[in-house]
């Protein structure tokens, strides 16, 4: 089994990184020219795709609405539709790169972030 080596994660784990705000709100609010530094891979009209800065596996991405939505049931129909489309494109891209099998789309989200963000972790 291959391991993803992420030495920067240890600094994150050991550090005191409690930041104000929400990275899923703050990063896409920046100009799109900052997308490479922000790790934003794709932008839709209502939602976006961002690489996980501290991934568990290669290809670990988050798909989130631009709007801060704390509860799944509060996502608008249009946001659901675009999130589903972007998620499908992510899965297609990972499959095209022969990424590991086993995409995870959890319903229960970490309490650390109030913003709802469906994600998958190949």
PDB file of N, CA and C in Angstrom:
ATOM      1  N   UNK A   1       0.835  -1.178   0.000  1.00  0.00           N
ATOM      2  CA  UNK A   1       0.000   0.000   0.000  1.00  0.00           C
ATOM      3  C   UNK A   1       0.883   1.245   0.000  1.00  0.00           C
ATOM      4  N   UNK A   2       0.634   2.151  -0.948  1.00  0.00           N
ATOM      5  CA  UNK A   2       1.383   3.399  -1.008  1.00  0.00           C
ATOM      6  C   UNK A   2       0.813   4.397  -0.013  1.00  0.00           C
ATOM      7  N   UNK A   3       1.690   5.254   0.495  1.00  0.00           N
ATOM      8  CA  UNK A   3       1.255   6.273   1.442  1.00  0.00           C
ATOM      9  C   UNK A   3       1.480   7.649   0.850  1.00  0.00           C
ATOM     10  N   UNK A   4       0.562   8.519   1.107  1.00  0.00           N
ATOM     11  CA  UNK A   4       0.710   9.910   0.709  1.00  0.00           C
ATOM     12  C   UNK A   4       1.510  10.610   1.790  1.00  0.00           C
ATOM     13  N   UNK A   5       2.663  11.120   1.443  1.00  0.00           N
ATOM     14  CA  UNK A   5       3.511  11.795   2.416  1.00  0.00           C
ATOM     15  C   UNK A   5       3.177  13.271   2.396  1.00  0.00           C
ATOM     16  N   UNK A   6       2.678  13.758   3.500  1.00  0.00           N
ATOM     17  CA  UNK A   6       2.311  15.166   3.619  1.00  0.00           C
ATOM     18  C   UNK A   6       2.980  15.743   4.859  1.00  0.00           C
ATOM     19  N   UNK A   7       4.263  16.080   4.756  1.00  0.00           N
ATOM     20  CA  UNK A   7       4.975  16.558   5.940  1.00  0.00           C
ATOM     21  C   UNK A   7       4.390  17.845   6.509  1.00  0.00           C
ATOM     22  N   UNK A   8       3.756  18.660   5.687  1.00  0.00           N
ATOM     23  CA  UNK A   8       3.152  19.898   6.176  1.00  0.00           C
ATOM     24  C   UNK A   8       1.974  19.638   7.095  1.00  0.00           C
ATOM     25  N   UNK A   9       1.380  18.444   7.032  1.00  0.00           N
ATOM     26  CA  UNK A   9       0.246  18.135   7.897  1.00  0.00           C
ATOM     27  C   UNK A   9       0.671  18.076   9.366  1.00  0.00           C
ATOM     28  N   UNK A  10       1.889  17.611   9.649  1.00  0.00           N
ATOM     29  CA  UNK A  10       2.335  17.524  11.043  1.00  0.00           C
ATOM     30  C   UNK A  10       2.391  18.906  11.678  1.00  0.00           C
ATOM     31  N   UNK A  11       2.838  19.914  10.948  1.00  0.00           N
ATOM     32  CA  UNK A  11       2.846  21.278  11.484  1.00  0.00           C
ATOM     33  C   UNK A  11       1.422  21.726  11.787  1.00  0.00           C
ATOM     34  N   UNK A  12       0.509  21.336  10.943  1.00  0.00           N
ATOM     35  CA  UNK A  12      -0.903  21.678  11.162  1.00  0.00           C
ATOM     36  C   UNK A  12      -1.438  20.971  12.412  1.00  0.00           C
ATOM     37  N   UNK A  13      -1.119  19.704  12.546  1.00  0.00           N
ATOM     38  CA  UNK A  13      -1.608  18.917  13.673  1.00  0.00           C
ATOM     39  C   UNK A  13      -1.054  19.462  14.995  1.00  0.00           C
ATOM     40  N   UNK A  14       0.225  19.795  15.013  1.00  0.00           N
ATOM     41  CA  UNK A  14       0.867  20.261  16.235  1.00  0.00           C
ATOM     42  C   UNK A  14       0.602  21.737  16.537  1.00  0.00           C
ATOM     43  N   UNK A  15       0.221  22.493  15.525  1.00  0.00           N
ATOM     44  CA  UNK A  15       0.067  23.929  15.690  1.00  0.00           C
ATOM     45  C   UNK A  15      -1.266  24.348  16.257  1.00  0.00           C
ATOM     46  N   UNK A  16      -1.350  25.614  16.560  1.00  0.00           N
ATOM     47  CA  UNK A  16      -2.590  26.213  17.033  1.00  0.00           C
ATOM     48  C   UNK A  16      -3.164  27.006  15.859  1.00  0.00           C
ATOM     49  N   UNK A  17      -3.979  26.362  15.056  1.00  0.00           N
ATOM     50  CA  UNK A  17      -4.430  26.935  13.799  1.00  0.00           C
ATOM     51  C   UNK A  17      -5.864  27.422  13.803  1.00  0.00           C
ATOM     52  N   UNK A  18      -6.398  27.685  14.943  1.00  0.00           N
ATOM     53  CA  UNK A  18      -7.770  28.180  14.988  1.00  0.00           C
ATOM     54  C   UNK A  18      -7.811  29.539  14.312  1.00  0.00           C
ATOM     55  N   UNK A  19      -8.467  29.586  13.192  1.00  0.00           N
ATOM     56  CA  UNK A  19      -8.554  30.837  12.449  1.00  0.00           C
ATOM     57  C   UNK A  19      -9.987  31.361  12.500  1.00  0.00           C
ATOM     58  N   UNK A  20     -10.102  32.642  12.368  1.00  0.00           N
ATOM     59  CA  UNK A  20     -11.422  33.251  12.304  1.00  0.00           C
ATOM     60  C   UNK A  20     -11.962  33.075  10.899  1.00  0.00           C
ATOM     61  N   UNK A  21     -13.250  32.994  10.787  1.00  0.00           N
ATOM     62  CA  UNK A  21     -13.861  32.878   9.479  1.00  0.00           C
ATOM     63  C   UNK A  21     -13.952  31.438   9.002  1.00  0.00           C
ATOM     64  N   UNK A  22     -14.243  31.299   7.754  1.00  0.00           N
ATOM     65  CA  UNK A  22     -14.447  30.003   7.121  1.00  0.00           C
ATOM     66  C   UNK A  22     -13.647  29.966   5.823  1.00  0.00           C
ATOM     67  N   UNK A  23     -12.701  29.054   5.716  1.00  0.00           N
ATOM     68  CA  UNK A  23     -11.885  29.001   4.503  1.00  0.00           C
ATOM     69  C   UNK A  23     -12.724  28.722   3.266  1.00  0.00           C
ATOM     70  N   UNK A  24     -13.841  28.026   3.443  1.00  0.00           N
ATOM     71  CA  UNK A  24     -14.697  27.734   2.295  1.00  0.00           C
ATOM     72  C   UNK A  24     -15.504  28.955   1.855  1.00  0.00           C
ATOM     73  N   UNK A  25     -15.547  29.969   2.675  1.00  0.00           N
ATOM     74  CA  UNK A  25     -16.153  31.247   2.289  1.00  0.00           C
ATOM     75  C   UNK A  25     -15.070  32.217   1.833  1.00  0.00           C
ATOM     76  N   UNK A  26     -13.966  32.245   2.588  1.00  0.00           N
ATOM     77  CA  UNK A  26     -12.921  33.237   2.355  1.00  0.00           C
ATOM     78  C   UNK A  26     -12.153  33.001   1.056  1.00  0.00           C
ATOM     79  N   UNK A  27     -11.733  31.774   0.776  1.00  0.00           N
ATOM     80  CA  UNK A  27     -10.904  31.512  -0.407  1.00  0.00           C
ATOM     81  C   UNK A  27     -11.626  31.771  -1.726  1.00  0.00           C
ATOM     82  N   UNK A  28     -12.855  31.304  -1.914  1.00  0.00           N
ATOM     83  CA  UNK A  28     -13.503  31.603  -3.198  1.00  0.00           C
ATOM     84  C   UNK A  28     -13.890  33.069  -3.350  1.00  0.00           C
ATOM     85  N   UNK A  29     -13.912  33.824  -2.246  1.00  0.00           N
ATOM     86  CA  UNK A  29     -14.213  35.260  -2.333  1.00  0.00           C
ATOM     87  C   UNK A  29     -13.041  36.040  -2.928  1.00  0.00           C
ATOM     88  N   UNK A  30     -11.845  35.445  -2.916  1.00  0.00           N
ATOM     89  CA  UNK A  30     -10.684  36.085  -3.529  1.00  0.00           C
ATOM     90  C   UNK A  30     -10.851  36.083  -5.044  1.00  0.00           C
ATOM     91  N   UNK A  31     -10.100  36.922  -5.709  1.00  0.00           N
ATOM     92  CA  UNK A  31     -10.123  36.958  -7.173  1.00  0.00           C
ATOM     93  C   UNK A  31      -9.721  35.588  -7.722  1.00  0.00           C
ATOM     94  N   UNK A  32     -10.324  35.205  -8.833  1.00  0.00           N
ATOM     95  CA  UNK A  32     -10.054  33.895  -9.432  1.00  0.00           C
ATOM     96  C   UNK A  32      -8.584  33.723  -9.801  1.00  0.00           C
ATOM     97  N   UNK A  33      -7.839  34.813  -9.954  1.00  0.00           N
ATOM     98  CA  UNK A  33      -6.407  34.698 -10.253  1.00  0.00           C
ATOM     99  C   UNK A  33      -5.648  34.054  -9.087  1.00  0.00           C
ATOM    100  N   UNK A  34      -6.256  34.027  -7.900  1.00  0.00           N
ATOM    101  CA  UNK A  34      -5.647  33.379  -6.731  1.00  0.00           C
ATOM    102  C   UNK A  34      -5.990  31.898  -6.620  1.00  0.00           C
ATOM    103  N   UNK A  35      -6.776  31.381  -7.552  1.00  0.00           N
ATOM    104  CA  UNK A  35      -7.224  29.987  -7.450  1.00  0.00           C
ATOM    105  C   UNK A  35      -6.087  28.980  -7.299  1.00  0.00           C
ATOM    106  N   UNK A  36      -4.981  29.087  -8.056  1.00  0.00           N
ATOM    107  CA  UNK A  36      -3.919  28.091  -7.858  1.00  0.00           C
ATOM    108  C   UNK A  36      -3.368  28.082  -6.430  1.00  0.00           C
ATOM    109  N   UNK A  37      -3.145  29.250  -5.845  1.00  0.00           N
ATOM    110  CA  UNK A  37      -2.644  29.321  -4.474  1.00  0.00           C
ATOM    111  C   UNK A  37      -3.706  28.880  -3.469  1.00  0.00           C
ATOM    112  N   UNK A  38      -4.975  29.127  -3.786  1.00  0.00           N
ATOM    113  CA  UNK A  38      -6.085  28.753  -2.906  1.00  0.00           C
ATOM    114  C   UNK A  38      -6.489  27.293  -3.074  1.00  0.00           C
ATOM    115  N   UNK A  39      -5.899  26.623  -4.067  1.00  0.00           N
ATOM    116  CA  UNK A  39      -6.177  25.222  -4.387  1.00  0.00           C
ATOM    117  C   UNK A  39      -7.587  25.015  -4.960  1.00  0.00           C
ATOM    118  N   UNK A  40      -8.178  26.062  -5.501  1.00  0.00           N
ATOM    119  CA  UNK A  40      -9.490  25.945  -6.144  1.00  0.00           C
ATOM    120  C   UNK A  40      -9.288  25.392  -7.549  1.00  0.00           C
ATOM    121  N   UNK A  41      -9.942  24.266  -7.824  1.00  0.00           N
ATOM    122  CA  UNK A  41      -9.787  23.584  -9.104  1.00  0.00           C
ATOM    123  C   UNK A  41     -10.822  24.001 -10.131  1.00  0.00           C
ATOM    124  N   UNK A  42     -12.029  24.306  -9.673  1.00  0.00           N
ATOM    125  CA  UNK A  42     -13.108  24.652 -10.599  1.00  0.00           C
ATOM    126  C   UNK A  42     -14.104  25.552  -9.884  1.00  0.00           C
ATOM    127  N   UNK A  43     -14.692  26.437 -10.666  1.00  0.00           N
ATOM    128  CA  UNK A  43     -15.722  27.334 -10.145  1.00  0.00           C
ATOM    129  C   UNK A  43     -16.975  27.194 -10.993  1.00  0.00           C
ATOM    130  N   UNK A  44     -18.085  27.035 -10.323  1.00  0.00           N
ATOM    131  CA  UNK A  44     -19.366  27.074 -10.992  1.00  0.00           C
ATOM    132  C   UNK A  44     -20.021  28.400 -10.675  1.00  0.00           C
ATOM    133  N   UNK A  45     -21.279  28.516 -11.015  1.00  0.00           N
ATOM    134  CA  UNK A  45     -22.024  29.731 -10.717  1.00  0.00           C
ATOM    135  C   UNK A  45     -22.374  29.823  -9.235  1.00  0.00           C
ATOM    136  N   UNK A  46     -22.678  28.665  -8.616  1.00  0.00           N
ATOM    137  CA  UNK A  46     -23.147  28.632  -7.231  1.00  0.00           C
ATOM    138  C   UNK A  46     -22.241  27.850  -6.284  1.00  0.00           C
ATOM    139  N   UNK A  47     -21.279  27.120  -6.829  1.00  0.00           N
ATOM    140  CA  UNK A  47     -20.428  26.264  -6.013  1.00  0.00           C
ATOM    141  C   UNK A  47     -19.063  26.102  -6.667  1.00  0.00           C
ATOM    142  N   UNK A  48     -18.151  25.459  -5.935  1.00  0.00           N
ATOM    143  CA  UNK A  48     -16.777  25.337  -6.421  1.00  0.00           C
ATOM    144  C   UNK A  48     -16.150  24.041  -5.906  1.00  0.00           C
ATOM    145  N   UNK A  49     -14.984  23.703  -6.474  1.00  0.00           N
ATOM    146  CA  UNK A  49     -14.212  22.515  -6.082  1.00  0.00           C
ATOM    147  C   UNK A  49     -12.859  22.989  -5.588  1.00  0.00           C
ATOM    148  N   UNK A  50     -12.445  22.481  -4.436  1.00  0.00           N
ATOM    149  CA  UNK A  50     -11.158  22.855  -3.855  1.00  0.00           C
ATOM    150  C   UNK A  50     -10.438  21.603  -3.371  1.00  0.00           C
ATOM    151  N   UNK A  51      -9.128  21.564  -3.605  1.00  0.00           N
ATOM    152  CA  UNK A  51      -8.323  20.468  -3.068  1.00  0.00           C
ATOM    153  C   UNK A  51      -8.209  20.627  -1.559  1.00  0.00           C
ATOM    154  N   UNK A  52      -8.205  19.518  -0.857  1.00  0.00           N
ATOM    155  CA  UNK A  52      -7.983  19.539   0.580  1.00  0.00           C
ATOM    156  C   UNK A  52      -6.506  19.826   0.813  1.00  0.00           C
ATOM    157  N   UNK A  53      -6.208  20.883   1.557  1.00  0.00           N
ATOM    158  CA  UNK A  53      -4.819  21.261   1.816  1.00  0.00           C
ATOM    159  C   UNK A  53      -4.090  20.221   2.655  1.00  0.00           C
ATOM    160  N   UNK A  54      -4.819  19.495   3.484  1.00  0.00           N
ATOM    161  CA  UNK A  54      -4.243  18.461   4.347  1.00  0.00           C
ATOM    162  C   UNK A  54      -4.935  17.135   4.041  1.00  0.00           C
ATOM    163  N   UNK A  55      -4.673  16.573   2.844  1.00  0.00           N
ATOM    164  CA  UNK A  55      -5.438  15.403   2.388  1.00  0.00           C
ATOM    165  C   UNK A  55      -5.083  14.118   3.121  1.00  0.00           C
ATOM    166  N   UNK A  56      -6.063  13.237   3.151  1.00  0.00           N
ATOM    167  CA  UNK A  56      -5.840  11.882   3.642  1.00  0.00           C
ATOM    168  C   UNK A  56      -5.354  10.992   2.504  1.00  0.00           C
ATOM    169  N   UNK A  57      -5.782  11.303   1.302  1.00  0.00           N
ATOM    170  CA  UNK A  57      -5.414  10.550   0.110  1.00  0.00           C
ATOM    171  C   UNK A  57      -5.193  11.537  -1.025  1.00  0.00           C
ATOM    172  N   UNK A  58      -4.449  11.092  -2.048  1.00  0.00           N
ATOM    173  CA  UNK A  58      -4.312  11.904  -3.250  1.00  0.00           C
ATOM    174  C   UNK A  58      -5.686  12.097  -3.874  1.00  0.00           C
ATOM    175  N   UNK A  59      -5.960  13.292  -4.357  1.00  0.00           N
ATOM    176  CA  UNK A  59      -7.232  13.558  -4.997  1.00  0.00           C
ATOM    177  C   UNK A  59      -8.350  13.934  -4.047  1.00  0.00           C
ATOM    178  N   UNK A  60      -8.052  14.178  -2.775  1.00  0.00           N
ATOM    179  CA  UNK A  60      -9.079  14.520  -1.784  1.00  0.00           C
ATOM    180  C   UNK A  60      -9.557  15.948  -2.051  1.00  0.00           C
ATOM    181  N   UNK A  61     -10.780  16.067  -2.522  1.00  0.00           N
ATOM    182  CA  UNK A  61     -11.353  17.370  -2.846  1.00  0.00           C
ATOM    183  C   UNK A  61     -12.637  17.619  -2.070  1.00  0.00           C
ATOM    184  N   UNK A  62     -13.000  18.890  -1.995  1.00  0.00           N
ATOM    185  CA  UNK A  62     -14.245  19.316  -1.364  1.00  0.00           C
ATOM    186  C   UNK A  62     -15.056  20.040  -2.425  1.00  0.00           C
ATOM    187  N   UNK A  63     -16.351  19.812  -2.435  1.00  0.00           N
ATOM    188  CA  UNK A  63     -17.268  20.526  -3.324  1.00  0.00           C
ATOM    189  C   UNK A  63     -18.222  21.285  -2.410  1.00  0.00           C
ATOM    190  N   UNK A  64     -18.249  22.600  -2.543  1.00  0.00           N
ATOM    191  CA  UNK A  64     -19.018  23.414  -1.597  1.00  0.00           C
ATOM    192  C   UNK A  64     -19.744  24.542  -2.309  1.00  0.00           C
ATOM    193  N   UNK A  65     -20.867  24.961  -1.762  1.00  0.00           N
ATOM    194  CA  UNK A  65     -21.533  26.155  -2.306  1.00  0.00           C
ATOM    195  C   UNK A  65     -20.759  27.396  -1.865  1.00  0.00           C
ATOM    196  N   UNK A  66     -20.852  28.460  -2.636  1.00  0.00           N
ATOM    197  CA  UNK A  66     -20.237  29.723  -2.226  1.00  0.00           C
ATOM    198  C   UNK A  66     -20.931  30.263  -0.978  1.00  0.00           C
ATOM    199  N   UNK A  67     -22.206  30.039  -0.909  1.00  0.00           N
ATOM    200  CA  UNK A  67     -23.013  30.541   0.199  1.00  0.00           C
ATOM    201  C   UNK A  67     -22.737  29.709   1.446  1.00  0.00           C
ATOM    202  N   UNK A  68     -22.595  30.368   2.584  1.00  0.00           N
ATOM    203  CA  UNK A  68     -22.369  29.662   3.850  1.00  0.00           C
ATOM    204  C   UNK A  68     -23.686  29.011   4.278  1.00  0.00           C
ATOM    205  N   UNK A  69     -23.718  27.686   4.218  1.00  0.00           N
ATOM    206  CA  UNK A  69     -24.940  26.934   4.500  1.00  0.00           C
ATOM    207  C   UNK A  69     -24.632  25.906   5.588  1.00  0.00           C
ATOM    208  N   UNK A  70     -25.117  26.107   6.807  1.00  0.00           N
ATOM    209  CA  UNK A  70     -24.777  25.187   7.890  1.00  0.00           C
ATOM    210  C   UNK A  70     -25.537  23.868   7.879  1.00  0.00           C
ATOM    211  N   UNK A  71     -26.687  23.810   7.219  1.00  0.00           N
ATOM    212  CA  UNK A  71     -27.508  22.606   7.236  1.00  0.00           C
ATOM    213  C   UNK A  71     -27.804  22.133   5.820  1.00  0.00           C
ATOM    214  N   UNK A  72     -27.688  20.844   5.634  1.00  0.00           N
ATOM    215  CA  UNK A  72     -27.912  20.251   4.321  1.00  0.00           C
ATOM    216  C   UNK A  72     -29.265  20.649   3.733  1.00  0.00           C
ATOM    217  N   UNK A  73     -30.285  20.645   4.579  1.00  0.00           N
ATOM    218  CA  UNK A  73     -31.632  20.935   4.089  1.00  0.00           C
ATOM    219  C   UNK A  73     -31.811  22.400   3.682  1.00  0.00           C
ATOM    220  N   UNK A  74     -30.835  23.252   3.993  1.00  0.00           N
ATOM    221  CA  UNK A  74     -30.913  24.662   3.623  1.00  0.00           C
ATOM    222  C   UNK A  74     -30.316  24.964   2.248  1.00  0.00           C
ATOM    223  N   UNK A  75     -29.719  23.978   1.619  1.00  0.00           N
ATOM    224  CA  UNK A  75     -29.145  24.196   0.293  1.00  0.00           C
ATOM    225  C   UNK A  75     -30.282  24.325  -0.715  1.00  0.00           C
ATOM    226  N   UNK A  76     -30.179  25.326  -1.557  1.00  0.00           N
ATOM    227  CA  UNK A  76     -31.188  25.550  -2.591  1.00  0.00           C
ATOM    228  C   UNK A  76     -31.107  24.451  -3.652  1.00  0.00           C
ATOM    229  N   UNK A  77     -32.203  24.223  -4.318  1.00  0.00           N
ATOM    230  CA  UNK A  77     -32.273  23.195  -5.370  1.00  0.00           C
ATOM    231  C   UNK A  77     -31.198  23.436  -6.421  1.00  0.00           C
ATOM    232  N   UNK A  78     -31.009  24.683  -6.808  1.00  0.00           N
ATOM    233  CA  UNK A  78     -30.006  25.015  -7.829  1.00  0.00           C
ATOM    234  C   UNK A  78     -28.589  24.704  -7.335  1.00  0.00           C
ATOM    235  N   UNK A  79     -28.346  24.932  -6.050  1.00  0.00           N
ATOM    236  CA  UNK A  79     -27.038  24.602  -5.487  1.00  0.00           C
ATOM    237  C   UNK A  79     -26.834  23.088  -5.463  1.00  0.00           C
ATOM    238  N   UNK A  80     -27.861  22.356  -5.075  1.00  0.00           N
ATOM    239  CA  UNK A  80     -27.783  20.885  -5.101  1.00  0.00           C
ATOM    240  C   UNK A  80     -27.417  20.395  -6.494  1.00  0.00           C
ATOM    241  N   UNK A  81     -28.077  20.940  -7.486  1.00  0.00           N
ATOM    242  CA  UNK A  81     -27.850  20.498  -8.863  1.00  0.00           C
ATOM    243  C   UNK A  81     -26.398  20.750  -9.286  1.00  0.00           C
ATOM    244  N   UNK A  82     -25.902  21.940  -9.006  1.00  0.00           N
ATOM    245  CA  UNK A  82     -24.539  22.248  -9.427  1.00  0.00           C
ATOM    246  C   UNK A  82     -23.511  21.452  -8.629  1.00  0.00           C
ATOM    247  N   UNK A  83     -23.744  21.262  -7.337  1.00  0.00           N
ATOM    248  CA  UNK A  83     -22.841  20.444  -6.523  1.00  0.00           C
ATOM    249  C   UNK A  83     -22.797  19.018  -7.071  1.00  0.00           C
ATOM    250  N   UNK A  84     -23.937  18.487  -7.452  1.00  0.00           N
ATOM    251  CA  UNK A  84     -23.979  17.135  -8.029  1.00  0.00           C
ATOM    252  C   UNK A  84     -23.197  17.069  -9.335  1.00  0.00           C
ATOM    253  N   UNK A  85     -23.339  18.079 -10.174  1.00  0.00           N
ATOM    254  CA  UNK A  85     -22.618  18.111 -11.453  1.00  0.00           C
ATOM    255  C   UNK A  85     -21.109  18.191 -11.216  1.00  0.00           C
ATOM    256  N   UNK A  86     -20.688  19.098 -10.328  1.00  0.00           N
ATOM    257  CA  UNK A  86     -19.258  19.231 -10.047  1.00  0.00           C
ATOM    258  C   UNK A  86     -18.693  17.973  -9.396  1.00  0.00           C
ATOM    259  N   UNK A  87     -19.459  17.348  -8.516  1.00  0.00           N
ATOM    260  CA  UNK A  87     -19.016  16.100  -7.891  1.00  0.00           C
ATOM    261  C   UNK A  87     -18.829  15.016  -8.952  1.00  0.00           C
ATOM    262  N   UNK A  88     -19.775  14.919  -9.874  1.00  0.00           N
ATOM    263  CA  UNK A  88     -19.650  13.948 -10.963  1.00  0.00           C
ATOM    264  C   UNK A  88     -18.416  14.200 -11.814  1.00  0.00           C
ATOM    265  N   UNK A  89     -18.114  15.455 -12.097  1.00  0.00           N
ATOM    266  CA  UNK A  89     -16.916  15.796 -12.876  1.00  0.00           C
ATOM    267  C   UNK A  89     -15.644  15.428 -12.120  1.00  0.00           C
ATOM    268  N   UNK A  90     -15.654  15.620 -10.813  1.00  0.00           N
ATOM    269  CA  UNK A  90     -14.490  15.232  -9.998  1.00  0.00           C
ATOM    270  C   UNK A  90     -14.269  13.728 -10.059  1.00  0.00           C
ATOM    271  N   UNK A  91     -15.339  12.980  -9.909  1.00  0.00           N
ATOM    272  CA  UNK A  91     -15.229  11.523  -9.960  1.00  0.00           C
ATOM    273  C   UNK A  91     -14.732  11.081 -11.337  1.00  0.00           C
ATOM    274  N   UNK A  92     -15.234  11.687 -12.402  1.00  0.00           N
ATOM    275  CA  UNK A  92     -14.765  11.366 -13.752  1.00  0.00           C
ATOM    276  C   UNK A  92     -13.277  11.665 -13.897  1.00  0.00           C
ATOM    277  N   UNK A  93     -12.837  12.813 -13.386  1.00  0.00           N
ATOM    278  CA  UNK A  93     -11.422  13.183 -13.477  1.00  0.00           C
ATOM    279  C   UNK A  93     -10.549  12.208 -12.698  1.00  0.00           C
ATOM    280  N   UNK A  94     -10.986  11.814 -11.512  1.00  0.00           N
ATOM    281  CA  UNK A  94     -10.213  10.851 -10.725  1.00  0.00           C
ATOM    282  C   UNK A  94     -10.161   9.493 -11.413  1.00  0.00           C
ATOM    283  N   UNK A  95     -11.281   9.077 -11.972  1.00  0.00           N
ATOM    284  CA  UNK A  95     -11.300   7.803 -12.696  1.00  0.00           C
ATOM    285  C   UNK A  95     -10.391   7.851 -13.915  1.00  0.00           C
ATOM    286  N   UNK A  96     -10.346   8.992 -14.606  1.00  0.00           N
ATOM    287  CA  UNK A  96      -9.492   9.136 -15.785  1.00  0.00           C
ATOM    288  C   UNK A  96      -8.013   9.053 -15.409  1.00  0.00           C
ATOM    289  N   UNK A  97      -7.692   9.426 -14.185  1.00  0.00           N
ATOM    290  CA  UNK A  97      -6.310   9.370 -13.701  1.00  0.00           C
ATOM    291  C   UNK A  97      -6.019   8.069 -12.963  1.00  0.00           C
ATOM    292  N   UNK A  98      -6.972   7.137 -13.013  1.00  0.00           N
ATOM    293  CA  UNK A  98      -6.817   5.834 -12.360  1.00  0.00           C
ATOM    294  C   UNK A  98      -6.534   5.989 -10.866  1.00  0.00           C
ATOM    295  N   UNK A  99      -7.283   6.876 -10.229  1.00  0.00           N
ATOM    296  CA  UNK A  99      -7.142   7.091  -8.790  1.00  0.00           C
ATOM    297  C   UNK A  99      -7.776   5.913  -8.054  1.00  0.00           C
ATOM    298  N   UNK A 100      -7.452   5.767  -6.781  1.00  0.00           N
ATOM    299  CA  UNK A 100      -8.001   4.649  -5.998  1.00  0.00           C
ATOM    300  C   UNK A 100      -9.519   4.630  -6.013  1.00  0.00           C
ATOM    301  N   UNK A 101     -10.059   3.456  -5.871  1.00  0.00           N
ATOM    302  CA  UNK A 101     -11.507   3.287  -5.826  1.00  0.00           C
ATOM    303  C   UNK A 101     -12.032   3.663  -4.454  1.00  0.00           C
ATOM    304  N   UNK A 102     -13.335   3.825  -4.341  1.00  0.00           N
ATOM    305  CA  UNK A 102     -13.954   4.054  -3.048  1.00  0.00           C
ATOM    306  C   UNK A 102     -14.196   5.506  -2.733  1.00  0.00           C
ATOM    307  N   UNK A 103     -15.011   6.175  -3.517  1.00  0.00           N
ATOM    308  CA  UNK A 103     -15.343   7.564  -3.243  1.00  0.00           C
ATOM    309  C   UNK A 103     -16.319   7.629  -2.076  1.00  0.00           C
ATOM    310  N   UNK A 104     -16.081   8.543  -1.177  1.00  0.00           N
ATOM    311  CA  UNK A 104     -16.904   8.677   0.021  1.00  0.00           C
ATOM    312  C   UNK A 104     -17.664  10.001  -0.047  1.00  0.00           C
ATOM    313  N   UNK A 105     -18.960   9.939   0.091  1.00  0.00           N
ATOM    314  CA  UNK A 105     -19.803  11.129   0.109  1.00  0.00           C
ATOM    315  C   UNK A 105     -20.562  11.158   1.430  1.00  0.00           C
ATOM    316  N   UNK A 106     -19.898  11.565   2.507  1.00  0.00           N
ATOM    317  CA  UNK A 106     -20.543  11.482   3.821  1.00  0.00           C
ATOM    318  C   UNK A 106     -21.633  12.512   4.014  1.00  0.00           C
ATOM    319  N   UNK A 107     -22.643  12.127   4.759  1.00  0.00           N
ATOM    320  CA  UNK A 107     -23.714  13.054   5.121  1.00  0.00           C
ATOM    321  C   UNK A 107     -23.353  13.803   6.401  1.00  0.00           C
ATOM    322  N   UNK A 108     -22.699  13.109   7.322  1.00  0.00           N
ATOM    323  CA  UNK A 108     -22.315  13.745   8.579  1.00  0.00           C
ATOM    324  C   UNK A 108     -21.012  14.498   8.366  1.00  0.00           C
ATOM    325  N   UNK A 109     -20.996  15.774   8.694  1.00  0.00           N
ATOM    326  CA  UNK A 109     -19.816  16.601   8.473  1.00  0.00           C
ATOM    327  C   UNK A 109     -19.163  16.949   9.803  1.00  0.00           C
ATOM    328  N   UNK A 110     -17.887  17.235   9.733  1.00  0.00           N
ATOM    329  CA  UNK A 110     -17.162  17.614  10.938  1.00  0.00           C
ATOM    330  C   UNK A 110     -17.801  18.857  11.551  1.00  0.00           C
ATOM    331  N   UNK A 111     -17.824  18.897  12.864  1.00  0.00           N
ATOM    332  CA  UNK A 111     -18.389  20.055  13.546  1.00  0.00           C
ATOM    333  C   UNK A 111     -17.440  21.245  13.531  1.00  0.00           C
ATOM    334  N   UNK A 112     -16.185  21.013  13.146  1.00  0.00           N
ATOM    335  CA  UNK A 112     -15.210  22.088  13.119  1.00  0.00           C
ATOM    336  C   UNK A 112     -15.661  23.210  12.202  1.00  0.00           C
ATOM    337  N   UNK A 113     -16.245  22.847  11.080  1.00  0.00           N
ATOM    338  CA  UNK A 113     -16.696  23.839  10.117  1.00  0.00           C
ATOM    339  C   UNK A 113     -18.210  23.769  10.027  1.00  0.00           C
ATOM    340  N   UNK A 114     -18.845  24.903  10.174  1.00  0.00           N
ATOM    341  CA  UNK A 114     -20.304  24.939  10.125  1.00  0.00           C
ATOM    342  C   UNK A 114     -20.793  24.869   8.691  1.00  0.00           C
ATOM    343  N   UNK A 115     -19.941  25.192   7.733  1.00  0.00           N
ATOM    344  CA  UNK A 115     -20.376  25.235   6.339  1.00  0.00           C
ATOM    345  C   UNK A 115     -20.505  23.825   5.778  1.00  0.00           C
ATOM    346  N   UNK A 116     -21.613  23.570   5.173  1.00  0.00           N
ATOM    347  CA  UNK A 116     -21.854  22.274   4.555  1.00  0.00           C
ATOM    348  C   UNK A 116     -20.974  22.123   3.330  1.00  0.00           C
ATOM    349  N   UNK A 117     -20.305  20.990   3.214  1.00  0.00           N
ATOM    350  CA  UNK A 117     -19.509  20.745   2.027  1.00  0.00           C
ATOM    351  C   UNK A 117     -19.450  19.262   1.738  1.00  0.00           C
ATOM    352  N   UNK A 118     -20.255  18.809   0.795  1.00  0.00           N
ATOM    353  CA  UNK A 118     -20.097  17.409   0.378  1.00  0.00           C
ATOM    354  C   UNK A 118     -18.674  17.209  -0.141  1.00  0.00           C
ATOM    355  N   UNK A 119     -18.065  16.105   0.208  1.00  0.00           N
ATOM    356  CA  UNK A 119     -16.731  15.834  -0.279  1.00  0.00           C
ATOM    357  C   UNK A 119     -16.572  14.356  -0.519  1.00  0.00           C
ATOM    358  N   UNK A 120     -15.559  14.021  -1.257  1.00  0.00           N
ATOM    359  CA  UNK A 120     -15.237  12.610  -1.399  1.00  0.00           C
ATOM    360  C   UNK A 120     -13.749  12.439  -1.230  1.00  0.00           C
ATOM    361  N   UNK A 121     -13.410  11.296  -0.732  1.00  0.00           N
ATOM    362  CA  UNK A 121     -12.040  10.985  -0.400  1.00  0.00           C
ATOM    363  C   UNK A 121     -11.715   9.643  -1.040  1.00  0.00           C
ATOM    364  N   UNK A 122     -11.040   9.676  -2.191  1.00  0.00           N
ATOM    365  CA  UNK A 122     -10.761   8.408  -2.864  1.00  0.00           C
ATOM    366  C   UNK A 122      -9.771   7.547  -2.097  1.00  0.00           C
TER     367      UNK A 122
END
